[in-house]
Structure formats: structure tokens, C-alpha cells
């Protein structure tokens, strides 16, 4: 499968995916205790619960037929490296290495590159210099159209470089200015308030959506499935599509789950309080698709 690298979609059937096990990212409870506050976690994760919840997600993906590969432990990567979606962007024929907007994650793109080389995945380029780009700010609306959030984690220079590296692989790169929200120390990505779950169908938290971007989606006939205020902090908006109309989301969001199911989307849930909620990264963040088709 190594010669099949493509993920210019958020919803096409997921076949091959990069993850990282907690034993390689979190390592020990002592390492967690040392890092979690500096990383702006909302609470202290318990390693045993992180491992159990991650195992559940891995099992759900395996049941969907997804082949998983795992990043190894790396001295330049800490707890946040379990969120494998952010350091790289997968495109047709290879990957683009990001440049992290969160300083404590600076070593993650190079750590991912070393593993990708072993897998035979081509690195097509990287964000350099003053550019900043994180995968959580990249949302494919279709195979030829990508929206990129510009905020505290991804800047205009990063988007400019991404556009140049994408070249003829895309027809349109849409810059989406992000709000300040809770400030630069928190994590607000574009994918914090939108998760495509089917062709022109997405879970959204409209209160955070820039009006021009929301209007663009509606003009292009997208169906927007709204997350209620009470379920935003429990990551109802962080939904991983494993195929069109089939997704995985965090348990504890019954209103959003019901709205998804009413819209014809099949939903599987898992518990993720220590794995996801405390670190600010849901099932999309925990997975880096390498091949969707």
C-alpha cells in the first residue's frame, strides 16, 4: 500500500492511517505529570485510562478495515505527539511536513518524517522559515478544494507555502481567518468547528464559524449539522469519517449524535475523557490518514 498515498478528502473510505501509541508519546505517568500543565491541558491525564481509551479507538478503526502504522517514541516529541494529524498534510503522491505553531511541538514534523521514510512515503516538501502550518487547520472540501484556517497555529506565510507546494493538485485554496476565541495558548484549529462526515455534509459549531466561510458552504449546497453549545467542549465537533456517511465520535454528545443519525450518518462512539478532552484532541486529531480512496 506504500505506493498509494492520497488523502485529499476528509470522508473517502479510510484505508491506511498513522497513529502513535501512548507508550510512545506519554511514556509514563511521571512524564505526564511533568508536561501536562506546560502543554495547557485542562486536567492531568491518567496513563492507564489514556492507554485503555486509545486501545478502544484502535479497535474501532481495525473493525472498519483500516490498516494502522505507529510512530515510535522520539526524544523531541512529548504528550501532544499522540495527535498525529497535525505535523503533516497528506496529498496525492506524498506528504507535506508542517511547521508547528505550538513551540513545544516543534520536533514532531521531523520525527514523523523519519518514520515516513521507513514506510516509503515520499515527502514532497515542508513549511519553512517564518511559515507555520498545522494539519488541524487543513480541511478538504473536495479533492480539488482545500480550506485552511489562519490563526495562532497556521499563518499567512504557511498558507502561501502550502499553496505553492500543492501546485496543480488543487484548483482552490480558501483561507479561513480564525477568531481569537480563548487566545494563543489554547488550541483552536479550523477543524475545531467543522468536521466533514459525508459529501457536502459536515458537523459544525456555527458560533465559531466566520460568516463568509459558512455562507460559502451553504452556497455550495453543504448540509450543516449543528453542535449545541452544551456539547462543544465535549468535542462533539471533532468527528472522524471512516467512509462517506460513517463516522467515529466521542461518547457523551447525545444531541449531536442524534442529529448525525437523523441526517443519515452512522455513528460509533468511544470514551475519551483522559485521551481526548484533557489534551484537546479528538479522534480526528489522533489519526493522520495516509490513504483514502
Foldseek 3Di string as FASTA:
>chain_A
DQQFFADLAQFFAFAEWEFAACCQAAVDLVSQVVPLVVLVFPDRFDSVVLRVQVVVVVVVCVVSNHHYDYQGHDPLHHNLVRLVQWQWATHGQAIEGFAWLDVSGRCNSVSVVVVSVVSNGDHQYYQDDPFFGTRLQWHNLDQAEIEGEDDSTGHPSNLVVVCVSCPPRHDYYHYFYWDCVVHNSDDDHPLLAWRDQANLEIEGAVVGGDVVVVVVSVVVPHHYQYQDPVCSLVRLSNWGHNHHLEIEWAPDRVVSCVSSVVVRHHYDYTHDCSNDNRSPHIPNSSIHGGHGD
